[in-house]
Amino acid sequence: MSILEPPPGHSPNVQIFYTSGTWTKPVWAKSVRVYMIGGGGGGGGGRRDAAGTVRCGGGGGAGGAFAFAEFPAASLNATEDISVGTAGSAGAAATTDTANGGNGGNGGSSFFRSAASILAAGGGTGGGGGTNSSGTAGSGGNAGSFSGTAGGAASGTGGAGAFASYLVTQGGPGGASGGGLTTADATSAGGTGRGSVPTNRPAGTAGTAGGGTGGDGGSMPTGAPMVGGSGGGGGSSTTGAGGNGGAGGLYGAGGGGGGASVNGNNSGAGGAGAPGIVVVISE
């Protein structure tokens, strides 16, 4: 679409950014609307340790924030830098005996006018890797119109994974935590992710006890600047590998935590968070 003159019928000019780049203002524009979402945090990997010990699942990654603003076109430069929040990486599985899971990566923040931001949507932080006492939840991204929600924290006694925080918000939902193993070596399921509001993208399903994989969260159609559903947590296992956490759905949702395992078997890895997006509409 040309930025030099209005299209036939004066249709809006829409520029969608999946990665960082440069927005160019149409010379005919009178107003500019900006929608953006920060990246979701990745889920943490589960703990791997000896039978009879507490082995916690990984914590869920948090959701990225959603931001919106409208500007007079005359107040903006001819070009503006755009930064798009990257997805938080999945926390690694524990692949050696008596080891914690890896921490999930933080989601990146999205910015309009990167050098001196006039609009921002913070990324969600990653969930903590499972230890013998915790799998901490990621914190929701802020610096936006609607903050993202925190991920689910793992049970400190090796119990079942937890749902993520639930808030009626347009920010990204956090992922669920993974299932742990108790001192009695009882296996447990991961937590169920959260669906998105108000877009109703489905939540990732919980990984079943015995090493079930957490489901991925539902995604928005490509280019739609709204949040997806978050990933479910993986289930724990005493006879094989722990279940991996599910990935966060497009855009900005957190990944689920991985399930715990016994020495001799890998724990579950966390699920990756979803990337952010920036959409700029000129009229």
Foldseek 3Di string as FASTA:
>chain_A
DDLADQDVVNFWDKDKDPAKDKDAHRPPFFKKKKKKWWWWWWWWFWWAEAALAWTKWAWWIWFKFIAMDMDGSVVDDRMAIKGWKFWWAWWAWDPAYGDWIGWIAWIQKIATRVVDGPAIIGTWGTWATIHRFWTHWIQWIDRHPWTIFITWIIHRQQAEKEETDDDQTQTAYIEITAGGAHSNRDKYKTAWWFFGPPVRWAIWAIAGTAAGATGEWGADPPRDQTATIEWTEWIEHAPEETYEIYEYYPDGYIIYIWYYYYGPYITYIIYMIHIMMMMMITD
